Amino acid sequence: MAGAVGLSVRRLQAVSKRDFGRTPLQLLTDIRLYRADQMLNGDLAAPRTVAEVAHAAGFTRTHRFTIAYRHRYGAAPVITVPAAEDRGPQQRQERASTAGP
């Protein structure tokens, strides 16, 4: 990422931390978790298994994804998959607006 914006790695980290309060890797993880949550809750066309969702969102290890997801959303992603079918569009919208990156 640093090379793409013409900064050194350390400078990119410093600017990111100053402007967003997070490192570039943390920001990328936030985006990936948000995308995975949208897939799990039916807001995006999603793969059918949690492992496929993790991979589609950019995680290479399902276990790491599960830990990060649980830390962010307070529930394991396997619990969220079937629950999405019970929610109406308004509930998904409310959850998405409070859980963004």
Protein backbone atom coordinates (compact mmCIF):
# COMPACT_ATOMS: atom_id res chain seq x y z
CA MET A 1 0.00 0.00 0.00
CA ALA A 2 2.77 2.42 0.90
CA GLY A 3 4.39 2.18 -2.52
CA ALA A 4 1.05 2.81 -4.23
CA VAL A 5 0.69 6.17 -2.48
CA GLY A 6 4.38 7.09 -2.67
CA LEU A 7 5.17 6.86 1.05
CA SER A 8 7.50 4.74 3.12
CA VAL A 9 5.85 2.04 5.21
CA ARG A 10 6.60 3.90 8.45
CA ARG A 11 5.25 7.20 7.06
CA LEU A 12 2.03 5.52 5.89
CA GLN A 13 1.56 3.99 9.33
CA ALA A 14 2.16 7.34 11.03
CA VAL A 15 -0.23 9.23 8.73
CA SER A 16 -2.89 6.54 9.04
CA LYS A 17 -2.61 6.48 12.82
CA ARG A 18 -2.74 10.29 12.99
CA ASP A 19 -5.67 10.74 10.60
CA PHE A 20 -7.77 7.65 11.36
CA GLY A 21 -6.51 6.45 14.73
CA ARG A 22 -5.78 3.04 13.19
CA THR A 23 -2.94 1.40 11.28
CA PRO A 24 -3.42 0.55 7.59
CA LEU A 25 -3.75 -3.14 8.49
CA GLN A 26 -6.43 -2.36 11.08
CA LEU A 27 -8.33 -0.29 8.52
CA LEU A 28 -8.11 -3.11 5.98
CA THR A 29 -9.36 -5.60 8.57
CA ASP A 30 -12.25 -3.26 9.42
CA ILE A 31 -13.28 -3.14 5.75
CA ARG A 32 -12.99 -6.90 5.38
CA LEU A 33 -15.08 -7.56 8.50
CA TYR A 34 -17.74 -5.10 7.37
CA ARG A 35 -17.93 -6.78 3.96
CA ALA A 36 -18.13 -10.25 5.56
CA ASP A 37 -20.89 -9.08 7.89
CA GLN A 38 -22.87 -7.80 4.91
CA MET A 39 -22.48 -11.17 3.19
CA LEU A 40 -23.47 -13.11 6.30
CA ASN A 41 -26.57 -11.00 6.81
CA GLY A 42 -27.80 -11.29 3.25
CA ASP A 43 -26.98 -7.74 2.20
CA LEU A 44 -24.60 -8.96 -0.52
CA ALA A 45 -24.63 -12.06 -2.67
CA ALA A 46 -22.75 -14.42 -0.40
CA PRO A 47 -21.08 -17.79 -0.49
CA ARG A 48 -22.87 -20.48 1.52
CA THR A 49 -20.28 -21.33 4.17
CA VAL A 50 -18.45 -19.20 6.72
CA ALA A 51 -15.11 -20.34 5.28
CA GLU A 52 -16.19 -19.14 1.82
CA VAL A 53 -17.34 -15.81 3.27
CA ALA A 54 -14.01 -15.39 5.06
CA HIS A 55 -12.10 -16.08 1.87
CA ALA A 56 -14.35 -13.82 -0.24
CA ALA A 57 -13.81 -10.99 2.26
CA GLY A 58 -10.03 -11.37 1.99
CA PHE A 59 -9.14 -13.48 5.02
CA THR A 60 -6.76 -16.35 4.32
CA ARG A 61 -7.44 -18.21 7.58
CA THR A 62 -10.97 -18.98 8.68
CA HIS A 63 -9.92 -19.27 12.32
CA ARG A 64 -8.47 -15.74 12.35
CA PHE A 65 -11.60 -14.45 10.64
CA THR A 66 -13.81 -16.11 13.26
CA ILE A 67 -11.82 -14.56 16.12
CA ALA A 68 -11.85 -11.08 14.53
CA TYR A 69 -15.56 -11.32 13.71
CA ARG A 70 -16.48 -12.41 17.24
CA HIS A 71 -14.36 -9.61 18.70
CA ARG A 72 -16.04 -7.00 16.46
CA TYR A 73 -19.66 -8.17 16.47
CA GLY A 74 -19.91 -10.16 19.71
CA ALA A 75 -21.08 -13.37 18.04
CA ALA A 76 -19.46 -16.14 16.05
CA PRO A 77 -20.15 -15.86 12.31
CA VAL A 78 -21.71 -19.34 12.26
CA ILE A 79 -24.49 -18.04 14.51
CA THR A 80 -25.15 -15.03 12.29
CA VAL A 81 -25.64 -16.99 9.05
CA PRO A 82 -28.98 -18.62 9.91
CA ALA A 83 -30.15 -15.62 11.93
CA ALA A 84 -30.04 -13.39 8.84
CA GLU A 85 -32.97 -15.29 7.33
CA ASP A 86 -35.15 -14.32 10.30
CA ARG A 87 -34.38 -10.61 10.07
CA GLY A 88 -36.35 -8.19 7.99
CA PRO A 89 -34.67 -5.60 5.74
CA GLN A 90 -35.15 -2.84 8.35
CA GLN A 91 -33.32 -4.79 11.08
CA ARG A 92 -30.42 -5.57 8.74
CA GLN A 93 -30.28 -1.88 7.80
CA GLU A 94 -30.17 -0.79 11.45
CA ARG A 95 -27.42 -3.30 12.28
CA ALA A 96 -25.37 -2.31 9.24
CA SER A 97 -25.59 1.40 10.11
CA THR A 98 -24.20 0.79 13.62
CA ALA A 99 -21.52 -1.76 12.68
CA GLY A 100 -19.68 0.00 9.84
CA PRO A 101 -15.89 0.18 9.49
